Every structure is written in structure tokens, then in C-alpha cells.
Amino acid sequence: MKKGEVVFSAVCVAFFGFMLTQTFELMGQGRAGEVGSGFWPLLSLAAATALSAVWLVGNLAAYARQKPRAASGPSPEAIREARGRQRKVTLSVACLLAYIVLMPLIGFILSTIFFILAFILALEERRMKVLVISPVLITAAIIVVFAKFITIPLPKGVGFFAAFSRFFY
């Protein structure tokens, strides 16, 4: 357990806690008797704050249990592992940036399927069942929840991609 992990989990608690306090301003908006636009952000940010707090407590406990190491420096295996993690983070950020750029052009459905597939590959998953089924099921679940249940409009894309998206929602 590194000190950076403890600091990052504390930053997550602070960020989600701050955003949670900001959602209380949205709660009064909307018609009487309806859930309102502030309910879903409040619910998701409350869950994120609680989970981040649990993560912080776990990191603090692990950091407290950790024994001090000798100052001999990192082993070659630790260096290889750190480089592998750095590569995964870089590829994950590249996938996210491509997703953000492509979504308005090719629409939510195709860009999400490609993003999930690329992200899974960046995390070095190689099982064919996971590579084929996960992007389709996750995208379908998101469409059902957001486009059908909550009726939030999702990006449809341009040209042929817009016609393709209208076929689904």
C-alpha cells in the first residue's frame, strides 16, 4: 500500500462529497410529485461518496498494517509491474479520449461498443466470450436504463449512424 493510494482515495471522498452537496440545489426543481432531475445525481453521488469512504478506510487500514521496507530500491519485477500498469493507464485514457471524440460522430451505440471492447483489450482480457458478450450487454443495459426507462436522449451520430441509432431508440 502506497501513500499515494491513500491520498487519491481521500481526494475521491472530498470530490464526491463536494459534488453531493451541490446536488441539493437541484432537488427543489421539478413538478410536485415527481422524482425530479436532482434525484439521480443525488443517488449516484451518495453511493460514490459512501464507496469512496469505504475505500479510504480500507486503504488507511492497509497502510497502517504495512511494515517498513528496507531502502534497497524496487526490484526488477516491481519495475516491470509498474510499467505494465502505466501502459494500461495510458491505453485506457486513449480509449476514453477516442470515445469522447467519436460519440457525436458515430452515435452512442457503436462508440460505446467500440470503447468497451478497446478498454477490455487495454486491460489485457483475452477470453473471446468476454470480448464479444460484454460490450453488447453493457451497451444494451445502458440503453434500456437511460434511453427507455429514464428517457434521457443519447447521441445518435451523423448520417447513416443516426439512422442506425434510431432503429434502437
Foldseek 3Di string as FASTA:
>chain_A
DDPVQLVVLVVQLVVLVVVLVVLVVQCVDDDPPDRGPSNVSNVVSVVSNVVSVVSNVVVVVVVVPDDDDDPPDDDPVVVVVVVLVVQLVVQLVVLVVVLVVCCLAQHDLVSQLVSVLSNCVSVPDDDPCCNPPVSNVVSVVCCCVDCPVVNDDTRQHDDPSNVVSVVPD
